């Protein structure tokens, strides 16, 4: 999980069409350069900046974190969009309504919306099982043919998101 909605939104905007290590390194740079910090007993501690802090940057400034103009624009759009939504509602509102609101934001597709719901907001209620990466994960665990999305949802219920996350993560080991 991510410690804040801002941190998760930045990471998942940066990981689109990229690698996890690249997005993680860029996210750490955002925190180091824009986040509030304090020094305690000679050790500097840095918190992740707020959505408003990141959204206040223009695309030209965000290029240094994103690496190129297109990714900088997408980063700004995602952060600005997420900042318009009420975080408490994102955490507690009806799952489908929240998912639709995230999907309506520029730069947020099915995978990013699911990632925000699961890994940032702690909402394992759903997952886009029709995406090839989840079908491949089901095939790796259960063989060919894999269970259908309906069968997986019936088996794992409201924890289907955690199943998808663990299976995809374990496959990389």
N, C-alpha and C. Protein backbone atom coordinates (compact mmCIF):
# COMPACT_ATOMS: atom_id res chain seq x y z
N UNK A 1 0.83 -1.19 0.00
CA UNK A 1 0.00 0.00 0.00
C UNK A 1 0.87 1.24 0.00
N UNK A 2 0.27 2.33 -0.40
CA UNK A 2 0.96 3.61 -0.42
C UNK A 2 0.48 4.43 0.77
N UNK A 3 1.38 5.26 1.27
CA UNK A 3 1.06 6.01 2.48
C UNK A 3 0.08 7.14 2.26
N UNK A 4 -0.08 7.59 1.01
CA UNK A 4 -1.03 8.66 0.75
C UNK A 4 -1.61 8.53 -0.65
N UNK A 5 -2.75 9.16 -0.84
CA UNK A 5 -3.38 9.18 -2.16
C UNK A 5 -2.47 9.88 -3.16
N UNK A 6 -1.80 10.94 -2.73
CA UNK A 6 -0.89 11.67 -3.62
C UNK A 6 0.25 10.77 -4.08
N UNK A 7 0.86 10.04 -3.17
CA UNK A 7 1.97 9.16 -3.52
C UNK A 7 1.52 8.09 -4.52
N UNK A 8 0.38 7.48 -4.27
CA UNK A 8 -0.12 6.45 -5.18
C UNK A 8 -0.48 7.01 -6.54
N UNK A 9 -1.14 8.16 -6.57
CA UNK A 9 -1.52 8.76 -7.85
C UNK A 9 -0.29 9.10 -8.68
N UNK A 10 0.73 9.65 -8.05
CA UNK A 10 1.97 9.97 -8.76
C UNK A 10 2.64 8.70 -9.27
N UNK A 11 2.76 7.70 -8.43
CA UNK A 11 3.42 6.46 -8.84
C UNK A 11 2.69 5.81 -10.02
N UNK A 12 1.38 5.67 -9.91
CA UNK A 12 0.65 4.97 -10.97
C UNK A 12 0.55 5.78 -12.25
N UNK A 13 0.67 7.10 -12.16
CA UNK A 13 0.76 7.91 -13.38
C UNK A 13 2.14 7.72 -14.02
N UNK A 14 3.17 7.60 -13.22
CA UNK A 14 4.53 7.44 -13.75
C UNK A 14 4.80 6.03 -14.27
N UNK A 15 4.12 5.03 -13.75
CA UNK A 15 4.40 3.64 -14.15
C UNK A 15 3.72 3.27 -15.47
N UNK A 16 2.79 4.09 -15.93
CA UNK A 16 2.13 3.80 -17.20
C UNK A 16 3.15 3.80 -18.33
N UNK A 17 3.16 2.73 -19.10
CA UNK A 17 4.10 2.55 -20.22
C UNK A 17 5.55 2.75 -19.77
N UNK A 18 5.84 2.25 -18.58
CA UNK A 18 7.17 2.40 -18.01
C UNK A 18 7.47 1.17 -17.16
N UNK A 19 8.54 1.23 -16.41
CA UNK A 19 8.88 0.12 -15.52
C UNK A 19 8.68 0.54 -14.07
N UNK A 20 8.54 -0.44 -13.21
CA UNK A 20 8.33 -0.15 -11.79
C UNK A 20 9.53 0.56 -11.18
N UNK A 21 10.73 0.13 -11.52
CA UNK A 21 11.92 0.77 -10.92
C UNK A 21 12.02 2.22 -11.35
N UNK A 22 11.66 2.51 -12.62
CA UNK A 22 11.70 3.89 -13.12
C UNK A 22 10.70 4.75 -12.36
N UNK A 23 9.48 4.25 -12.24
CA UNK A 23 8.44 5.01 -11.56
C UNK A 23 8.79 5.21 -10.08
N UNK A 24 9.33 4.19 -9.45
CA UNK A 24 9.70 4.31 -8.03
C UNK A 24 10.81 5.33 -7.83
N UNK A 25 11.80 5.32 -8.72
CA UNK A 25 12.89 6.29 -8.61
C UNK A 25 12.37 7.71 -8.82
N UNK A 26 11.50 7.89 -9.81
CA UNK A 26 10.93 9.22 -10.07
C UNK A 26 10.05 9.68 -8.92
N UNK A 27 9.29 8.75 -8.33
CA UNK A 27 8.43 9.08 -7.18
C UNK A 27 9.29 9.54 -6.00
N UNK A 28 10.40 8.85 -5.76
CA UNK A 28 11.30 9.26 -4.67
C UNK A 28 11.86 10.65 -4.93
N UNK A 29 12.13 10.96 -6.18
CA UNK A 29 12.64 12.29 -6.52
C UNK A 29 11.59 13.36 -6.27
N UNK A 30 10.33 13.08 -6.60
CA UNK A 30 9.24 14.02 -6.31
C UNK A 30 9.20 14.30 -4.81
N UNK A 31 9.27 13.24 -4.01
CA UNK A 31 9.24 13.41 -2.55
C UNK A 31 10.42 14.24 -2.07
N UNK A 32 11.61 13.91 -2.56
CA UNK A 32 12.82 14.60 -2.10
C UNK A 32 12.81 16.08 -2.45
N UNK A 33 12.30 16.42 -3.62
CA UNK A 33 12.36 17.82 -4.07
C UNK A 33 11.14 18.65 -3.70
N UNK A 34 9.97 18.01 -3.56
CA UNK A 34 8.75 18.78 -3.32
C UNK A 34 8.13 18.53 -1.95
N UNK A 35 8.53 17.45 -1.29
CA UNK A 35 7.90 17.08 -0.03
C UNK A 35 8.42 17.86 1.16
N UNK A 36 7.58 18.01 2.17
CA UNK A 36 8.04 18.64 3.41
C UNK A 36 9.01 17.70 4.13
N UNK A 37 9.94 18.28 4.86
CA UNK A 37 10.92 17.45 5.55
C UNK A 37 11.24 18.04 6.92
N UNK A 38 11.83 17.20 7.74
CA UNK A 38 12.33 17.66 9.03
C UNK A 38 13.55 16.82 9.36
N UNK A 39 14.42 17.39 10.14
CA UNK A 39 15.61 16.68 10.58
C UNK A 39 15.49 16.43 12.06
N UNK A 40 15.67 15.17 12.43
CA UNK A 40 15.56 14.78 13.83
C UNK A 40 16.78 13.93 14.16
N UNK A 41 17.52 14.37 15.16
CA UNK A 41 18.76 13.67 15.56
C UNK A 41 19.70 13.47 14.38
N UNK A 42 19.78 14.49 13.52
CA UNK A 42 20.68 14.45 12.39
C UNK A 42 20.21 13.65 11.20
N UNK A 43 18.99 13.10 11.27
CA UNK A 43 18.45 12.31 10.17
C UNK A 43 17.30 13.07 9.53
N UNK A 44 17.40 13.27 8.21
CA UNK A 44 16.33 13.97 7.50
C UNK A 44 15.21 13.00 7.15
N UNK A 45 13.98 13.39 7.45
CA UNK A 45 12.79 12.61 7.13
C UNK A 45 11.96 13.42 6.15
N UNK A 46 11.55 12.78 5.05
CA UNK A 46 10.80 13.48 4.01
C UNK A 46 9.44 12.83 3.85
N UNK A 47 8.40 13.63 3.80
CA UNK A 47 7.05 13.14 3.54
C UNK A 47 6.72 13.41 2.08
N UNK A 48 5.76 12.68 1.56
CA UNK A 48 5.37 12.90 0.18
C UNK A 48 4.54 14.18 0.10
N UNK A 49 4.74 14.97 -0.96
CA UNK A 49 3.97 16.21 -1.07
C UNK A 49 2.48 15.92 -1.32
N UNK A 50 1.66 16.92 -1.08
CA UNK A 50 0.22 16.78 -1.29
C UNK A 50 -0.11 16.78 -2.77
N UNK A 51 -1.32 16.35 -3.09
CA UNK A 51 -1.81 16.43 -4.47
C UNK A 51 -1.75 17.87 -4.97
N UNK A 52 -2.14 18.82 -4.11
CA UNK A 52 -2.14 20.23 -4.51
C UNK A 52 -0.75 20.72 -4.85
N UNK A 53 0.25 20.27 -4.10
CA UNK A 53 1.63 20.70 -4.36
C UNK A 53 2.10 20.20 -5.72
N UNK A 54 1.83 18.94 -6.02
CA UNK A 54 2.25 18.39 -7.31
C UNK A 54 1.43 19.01 -8.45
N UNK A 55 0.12 19.15 -8.25
CA UNK A 55 -0.75 19.70 -9.29
C UNK A 55 -0.43 21.16 -9.60
N UNK A 56 0.17 21.87 -8.67
CA UNK A 56 0.51 23.28 -8.88
C UNK A 56 1.67 23.46 -9.86
N UNK A 57 2.39 22.38 -10.15
CA UNK A 57 3.53 22.44 -11.08
C UNK A 57 3.01 22.38 -12.51
N UNK A 58 3.66 23.15 -13.39
CA UNK A 58 3.26 23.06 -14.80
C UNK A 58 4.02 21.92 -15.47
N UNK A 59 3.59 21.59 -16.69
CA UNK A 59 4.19 20.46 -17.40
C UNK A 59 5.70 20.61 -17.56
N UNK A 60 6.16 21.81 -17.83
CA UNK A 60 7.59 22.02 -18.03
C UNK A 60 8.37 21.67 -16.76
N UNK A 61 7.82 22.00 -15.60
CA UNK A 61 8.48 21.68 -14.34
C UNK A 61 8.40 20.18 -14.05
N UNK A 62 7.29 19.55 -14.42
CA UNK A 62 7.11 18.13 -14.13
C UNK A 62 7.95 17.23 -15.02
N UNK A 63 8.47 17.76 -16.14
CA UNK A 63 9.32 16.95 -17.02
C UNK A 63 10.52 16.41 -16.26
N UNK A 64 11.05 17.19 -15.33
CA UNK A 64 12.24 16.72 -14.59
C UNK A 64 11.92 15.51 -13.72
N UNK A 65 10.67 15.29 -13.40
CA UNK A 65 10.27 14.12 -12.64
C UNK A 65 9.77 13.01 -13.55
N UNK A 66 9.11 13.40 -14.62
CA UNK A 66 8.46 12.42 -15.50
C UNK A 66 9.37 11.93 -16.62
N UNK A 67 10.33 12.72 -17.01
CA UNK A 67 11.26 12.29 -18.05
C UNK A 67 10.97 12.80 -19.44
N UNK A 68 9.72 13.10 -19.73
CA UNK A 68 9.38 13.67 -21.03
C UNK A 68 8.07 14.45 -20.94
N UNK A 69 7.78 15.21 -21.97
CA UNK A 69 6.61 16.10 -21.98
C UNK A 69 5.29 15.34 -21.88
N UNK A 70 5.17 14.24 -22.62
CA UNK A 70 3.93 13.48 -22.61
C UNK A 70 3.64 12.90 -21.22
N UNK A 71 4.63 12.29 -20.61
CA UNK A 71 4.44 11.72 -19.28
C UNK A 71 4.21 12.82 -18.25
N UNK A 72 4.83 13.97 -18.43
CA UNK A 72 4.62 15.09 -17.50
C UNK A 72 3.17 15.57 -17.58
N UNK A 73 2.65 15.67 -18.79
CA UNK A 73 1.24 16.10 -18.94
C UNK A 73 0.31 15.07 -18.31
N UNK A 74 0.57 13.79 -18.54
CA UNK A 74 -0.28 12.74 -17.96
C UNK A 74 -0.19 12.79 -16.44
N UNK A 75 1.00 12.98 -15.90
CA UNK A 75 1.16 13.09 -14.45
C UNK A 75 0.32 14.23 -13.90
N UNK A 76 0.42 15.39 -14.52
CA UNK A 76 -0.35 16.55 -14.06
C UNK A 76 -1.85 16.28 -14.16
N UNK A 77 -2.29 15.70 -15.29
CA UNK A 77 -3.72 15.43 -15.46
C UNK A 77 -4.25 14.45 -14.42
N UNK A 78 -3.50 13.40 -14.16
CA UNK A 78 -3.94 12.41 -13.17
C UNK A 78 -4.01 13.05 -11.79
N UNK A 79 -2.96 13.77 -11.41
CA UNK A 79 -2.91 14.38 -10.08
C UNK A 79 -4.01 15.44 -9.94
N UNK A 80 -4.18 16.29 -10.95
CA UNK A 80 -5.26 17.28 -10.89
C UNK A 80 -6.62 16.61 -10.79
N UNK A 81 -6.83 15.56 -11.56
CA UNK A 81 -8.11 14.86 -11.54
C UNK A 81 -8.40 14.22 -10.19
N UNK A 82 -7.42 13.50 -9.67
CA UNK A 82 -7.61 12.84 -8.37
C UNK A 82 -7.85 13.90 -7.29
N UNK A 83 -7.19 15.03 -7.39
CA UNK A 83 -7.36 16.10 -6.39
C UNK A 83 -8.78 16.65 -6.36
N UNK A 84 -9.53 16.49 -7.45
CA UNK A 84 -10.91 17.00 -7.48
C UNK A 84 -11.89 16.08 -6.75
N UNK A 85 -11.45 14.86 -6.44
CA UNK A 85 -12.34 13.88 -5.81
C UNK A 85 -12.13 13.87 -4.30
N UNK A 86 -13.20 13.63 -3.59
CA UNK A 86 -13.15 13.58 -2.12
C UNK A 86 -12.53 12.26 -1.68
N UNK A 87 -11.42 12.33 -0.96
CA UNK A 87 -10.71 11.11 -0.56
C UNK A 87 -11.55 10.20 0.32
N UNK A 88 -12.31 10.76 1.22
CA UNK A 88 -13.16 9.92 2.07
C UNK A 88 -14.18 9.16 1.23
N UNK A 89 -14.78 9.83 0.25
CA UNK A 89 -15.72 9.16 -0.65
C UNK A 89 -15.01 8.08 -1.46
N UNK A 90 -13.78 8.35 -1.92
CA UNK A 90 -13.04 7.34 -2.67
C UNK A 90 -12.83 6.09 -1.82
N UNK A 91 -12.63 6.26 -0.52
CA UNK A 91 -12.38 5.13 0.37
C UNK A 91 -13.65 4.40 0.79
N UNK A 92 -14.79 5.10 0.82
CA UNK A 92 -15.99 4.51 1.40
C UNK A 92 -17.20 4.47 0.48
N UNK A 93 -17.18 5.21 -0.61
CA UNK A 93 -18.33 5.26 -1.52
C UNK A 93 -18.56 3.93 -2.21
N UNK A 94 -19.70 3.79 -2.87
CA UNK A 94 -19.98 2.56 -3.60
C UNK A 94 -18.85 2.27 -4.62
N UNK A 95 -18.35 1.06 -4.56
CA UNK A 95 -17.18 0.69 -5.36
C UNK A 95 -17.34 1.06 -6.83
N UNK A 96 -18.44 0.68 -7.43
CA UNK A 96 -18.63 0.95 -8.87
C UNK A 96 -18.67 2.45 -9.16
N UNK A 97 -19.27 3.23 -8.29
CA UNK A 97 -19.32 4.68 -8.48
C UNK A 97 -17.91 5.28 -8.40
N UNK A 98 -17.14 4.82 -7.44
CA UNK A 98 -15.77 5.31 -7.28
C UNK A 98 -14.93 4.91 -8.49
N UNK A 99 -15.06 3.65 -8.93
CA UNK A 99 -14.31 3.18 -10.10
C UNK A 99 -14.65 4.01 -11.33
N UNK A 100 -15.92 4.28 -11.54
CA UNK A 100 -16.35 5.08 -12.70
C UNK A 100 -15.80 6.51 -12.61
N UNK A 101 -15.78 7.08 -11.41
CA UNK A 101 -15.24 8.43 -11.25
C UNK A 101 -13.76 8.46 -11.58
N UNK A 102 -13.02 7.44 -11.15
CA UNK A 102 -11.59 7.38 -11.48
C UNK A 102 -11.38 7.20 -12.98
N UNK A 103 -12.16 6.33 -13.59
CA UNK A 103 -12.03 6.09 -15.04
C UNK A 103 -12.37 7.32 -15.86
N UNK A 104 -13.16 8.22 -15.31
CA UNK A 104 -13.54 9.43 -16.03
C UNK A 104 -12.41 10.47 -16.05
N UNK A 105 -11.38 10.26 -15.25
CA UNK A 105 -10.28 11.22 -15.18
C UNK A 105 -9.32 11.04 -16.36
N UNK A 106 -8.83 12.13 -16.93
CA UNK A 106 -7.82 12.01 -17.99
C UNK A 106 -6.59 11.26 -17.47
N UNK A 107 -6.10 10.32 -18.26
CA UNK A 107 -4.90 9.59 -17.90
C UNK A 107 -5.12 8.38 -17.02
N UNK A 108 -6.37 8.11 -16.64
CA UNK A 108 -6.66 6.96 -15.78
C UNK A 108 -7.45 5.93 -16.59
N UNK A 109 -6.82 4.78 -16.79
CA UNK A 109 -7.48 3.66 -17.46
C UNK A 109 -7.84 2.58 -16.46
N UNK A 110 -8.26 1.43 -16.97
CA UNK A 110 -8.72 0.34 -16.11
C UNK A 110 -7.65 -0.12 -15.13
N UNK A 111 -6.43 -0.30 -15.60
CA UNK A 111 -5.38 -0.80 -14.71
C UNK A 111 -5.04 0.23 -13.63
N UNK A 112 -4.91 1.50 -14.00
CA UNK A 112 -4.58 2.53 -13.02
C UNK A 112 -5.71 2.71 -12.01
N UNK A 113 -6.95 2.69 -12.48
CA UNK A 113 -8.08 2.82 -11.55
C UNK A 113 -8.07 1.67 -10.55
N UNK A 114 -7.86 0.44 -11.05
CA UNK A 114 -7.81 -0.71 -10.15
C UNK A 114 -6.65 -0.59 -9.17
N UNK A 115 -5.50 -0.18 -9.65
CA UNK A 115 -4.33 -0.04 -8.78
C UNK A 115 -4.58 0.98 -7.68
N UNK A 116 -5.18 2.11 -8.04
CA UNK A 116 -5.50 3.12 -7.03
C UNK A 116 -6.51 2.57 -6.02
N UNK A 117 -7.53 1.89 -6.51
CA UNK A 117 -8.53 1.34 -5.61
C UNK A 117 -7.93 0.32 -4.65
N UNK A 118 -7.11 -0.56 -5.16
CA UNK A 118 -6.56 -1.63 -4.33
C UNK A 118 -5.39 -1.17 -3.48
N UNK A 119 -4.36 -0.66 -4.11
CA UNK A 119 -3.09 -0.42 -3.41
C UNK A 119 -3.01 0.92 -2.70
N UNK A 120 -3.88 1.85 -3.05
CA UNK A 120 -3.87 3.15 -2.38
C UNK A 120 -5.05 3.27 -1.42
N UNK A 121 -6.22 2.89 -1.89
CA UNK A 121 -7.43 3.07 -1.10
C UNK A 121 -7.84 1.83 -0.31
N UNK A 122 -7.14 0.70 -0.54
CA UNK A 122 -7.43 -0.52 0.20
C UNK A 122 -8.76 -1.15 -0.14
N UNK A 123 -9.15 -1.07 -1.42
CA UNK A 123 -10.46 -1.58 -1.85
C UNK A 123 -10.27 -2.78 -2.78
N UNK A 124 -10.33 -4.01 -2.24
CA UNK A 124 -10.09 -5.20 -3.05
C UNK A 124 -11.34 -5.74 -3.74
N UNK A 125 -12.42 -4.98 -3.76
CA UNK A 125 -13.72 -5.45 -4.22
C UNK A 125 -13.75 -5.92 -5.67
N UNK A 126 -12.92 -5.35 -6.51
CA UNK A 126 -12.99 -5.68 -7.93
C UNK A 126 -11.63 -5.66 -8.58
N UNK A 127 -11.60 -6.14 -9.81
CA UNK A 127 -10.38 -6.16 -10.61
C UNK A 127 -10.80 -6.39 -12.06
N UNK A 128 -10.12 -5.77 -13.02
CA UNK A 128 -10.48 -5.98 -14.43
C UNK A 128 -9.94 -7.33 -14.92
N UNK A 129 -10.59 -8.41 -14.52
CA UNK A 129 -10.11 -9.76 -14.82
C UNK A 129 -10.06 -10.07 -16.31
N UNK A 130 -10.73 -9.27 -17.13
CA UNK A 130 -10.71 -9.50 -18.58
C UNK A 130 -9.40 -9.06 -19.22
N UNK A 131 -8.55 -8.34 -18.47
CA UNK A 131 -7.26 -7.91 -19.01
C UNK A 131 -6.34 -9.12 -19.14
N UNK A 132 -5.53 -9.15 -20.22
CA UNK A 132 -4.68 -10.32 -20.47
C UNK A 132 -3.77 -10.70 -19.31
N UNK A 133 -3.22 -9.72 -18.58
CA UNK A 133 -2.31 -10.06 -17.49
C UNK A 133 -2.99 -10.87 -16.39
N UNK A 134 -4.30 -10.66 -16.18
CA UNK A 134 -5.00 -11.41 -15.15
C UNK A 134 -5.41 -12.79 -15.66
N UNK A 135 -5.76 -12.87 -16.93
CA UNK A 135 -6.04 -14.18 -17.52
C UNK A 135 -4.77 -15.03 -17.52
N UNK A 136 -3.64 -14.43 -17.87
CA UNK A 136 -2.36 -15.15 -17.85
C UNK A 136 -2.03 -15.62 -16.43
N UNK A 137 -2.31 -14.79 -15.44
CA UNK A 137 -2.05 -15.16 -14.05
C UNK A 137 -2.93 -16.34 -13.64
N UNK A 138 -4.20 -16.31 -14.02
CA UNK A 138 -5.11 -17.42 -13.69
C UNK A 138 -4.65 -18.70 -14.39
N UNK A 139 -4.21 -18.59 -15.62
CA UNK A 139 -3.72 -19.75 -16.36
C UNK A 139 -2.47 -20.34 -15.68
N UNK A 140 -1.58 -19.48 -15.20
CA UNK A 140 -0.36 -19.95 -14.54
C UNK A 140 -0.67 -20.71 -13.25
N UNK A 141 -1.72 -20.31 -12.56
CA UNK A 141 -2.07 -20.96 -11.30
C UNK A 141 -2.95 -22.19 -11.51
N UNK A 142 -3.95 -22.07 -12.40
CA UNK A 142 -4.96 -23.12 -12.53
C UNK A 142 -4.84 -23.97 -13.79
N UNK A 143 -3.95 -23.61 -14.70
CA UNK A 143 -3.80 -24.36 -15.93
C UNK A 143 -4.71 -23.85 -17.04
N UNK A 144 -4.67 -24.58 -18.15
CA UNK A 144 -5.43 -24.16 -19.33
C UNK A 144 -6.60 -25.11 -19.54
N UNK A 145 -7.78 -24.63 -19.71
CA UNK A 145 -8.18 -23.23 -19.72
C UNK A 145 -8.30 -22.68 -18.29
N UNK A 146 -8.02 -21.40 -18.14
CA UNK A 146 -8.14 -20.82 -16.79
C UNK A 146 -9.61 -20.64 -16.42
N UNK A 147 -9.88 -20.50 -15.13
CA UNK A 147 -11.26 -20.19 -14.72
C UNK A 147 -11.71 -18.87 -15.34
N UNK A 148 -12.98 -18.76 -15.59
CA UNK A 148 -13.52 -17.52 -16.15
C UNK A 148 -13.51 -16.43 -15.08
N UNK A 149 -13.60 -15.16 -15.51
CA UNK A 149 -13.71 -14.09 -14.50
C UNK A 149 -14.86 -14.31 -13.52
N UNK A 150 -15.99 -14.82 -14.01
CA UNK A 150 -17.13 -15.07 -13.12
C UNK A 150 -16.80 -16.14 -12.09
N UNK A 151 -16.09 -17.20 -12.51
CA UNK A 151 -15.71 -18.25 -11.58
C UNK A 151 -14.73 -17.74 -10.53
N UNK A 152 -13.78 -16.91 -10.96
CA UNK A 152 -12.82 -16.34 -10.00
C UNK A 152 -13.52 -15.42 -9.01
N UNK A 153 -14.44 -14.59 -9.51
CA UNK A 153 -15.17 -13.69 -8.61
C UNK A 153 -16.01 -14.49 -7.61
N UNK A 154 -16.61 -15.59 -8.07
CA UNK A 154 -17.41 -16.43 -7.17
C UNK A 154 -16.52 -17.06 -6.10
N UNK A 155 -15.33 -17.47 -6.49
CA UNK A 155 -14.43 -18.14 -5.55
C UNK A 155 -13.82 -17.18 -4.53
N UNK A 156 -13.47 -15.96 -4.96
CA UNK A 156 -12.74 -15.04 -4.09
C UNK A 156 -13.57 -13.89 -3.56
N UNK A 157 -14.76 -13.71 -4.08
CA UNK A 157 -15.68 -12.70 -3.57
C UNK A 157 -15.09 -11.31 -3.51
N UNK A 158 -15.31 -10.64 -2.40
CA UNK A 158 -14.87 -9.25 -2.27
C UNK A 158 -13.37 -9.11 -2.07
N UNK A 159 -12.65 -10.23 -2.05
CA UNK A 159 -11.18 -10.19 -1.95
C UNK A 159 -10.51 -10.46 -3.29
N UNK A 160 -11.25 -10.43 -4.38
CA UNK A 160 -10.71 -10.75 -5.69
C UNK A 160 -9.52 -9.86 -6.06
N UNK A 161 -9.53 -8.62 -5.63
CA UNK A 161 -8.41 -7.72 -5.92
C UNK A 161 -7.11 -8.20 -5.29
N UNK A 162 -7.20 -8.71 -4.06
CA UNK A 162 -5.99 -9.23 -3.41
C UNK A 162 -5.50 -10.48 -4.13
N UNK A 163 -6.43 -11.36 -4.54
CA UNK A 163 -6.03 -12.54 -5.31
C UNK A 163 -5.24 -12.12 -6.54
N UNK A 164 -5.78 -11.16 -7.30
CA UNK A 164 -5.12 -10.72 -8.53
C UNK A 164 -3.75 -10.13 -8.24
N UNK A 165 -3.65 -9.33 -7.21
CA UNK A 165 -2.37 -8.71 -6.86
C UNK A 165 -1.34 -9.77 -6.46
N UNK A 166 -1.72 -10.67 -5.56
CA UNK A 166 -0.77 -11.68 -5.09
C UNK A 166 -0.33 -12.62 -6.21
N UNK A 167 -1.26 -13.03 -7.05
CA UNK A 167 -0.91 -13.95 -8.13
C UNK A 167 0.03 -13.28 -9.12
N UNK A 168 -0.26 -12.04 -9.49
CA UNK A 168 0.63 -11.34 -10.43
C UNK A 168 2.00 -11.08 -9.81
N UNK A 169 2.04 -10.73 -8.54
CA UNK A 169 3.30 -10.47 -7.86
C UNK A 169 4.10 -11.77 -7.73
N UNK A 170 3.46 -12.84 -7.33
CA UNK A 170 4.16 -14.12 -7.15
C UNK A 170 4.73 -14.66 -8.46
N UNK A 171 4.06 -14.39 -9.56
CA UNK A 171 4.56 -14.88 -10.86
C UNK A 171 5.93 -14.30 -11.20
N UNK A 172 6.22 -13.09 -10.72
CA UNK A 172 7.51 -12.47 -11.03
C UNK A 172 8.64 -13.05 -10.18
N UNK A 173 8.31 -13.82 -9.15
CA UNK A 173 9.34 -14.42 -8.30
C UNK A 173 9.85 -15.66 -8.97
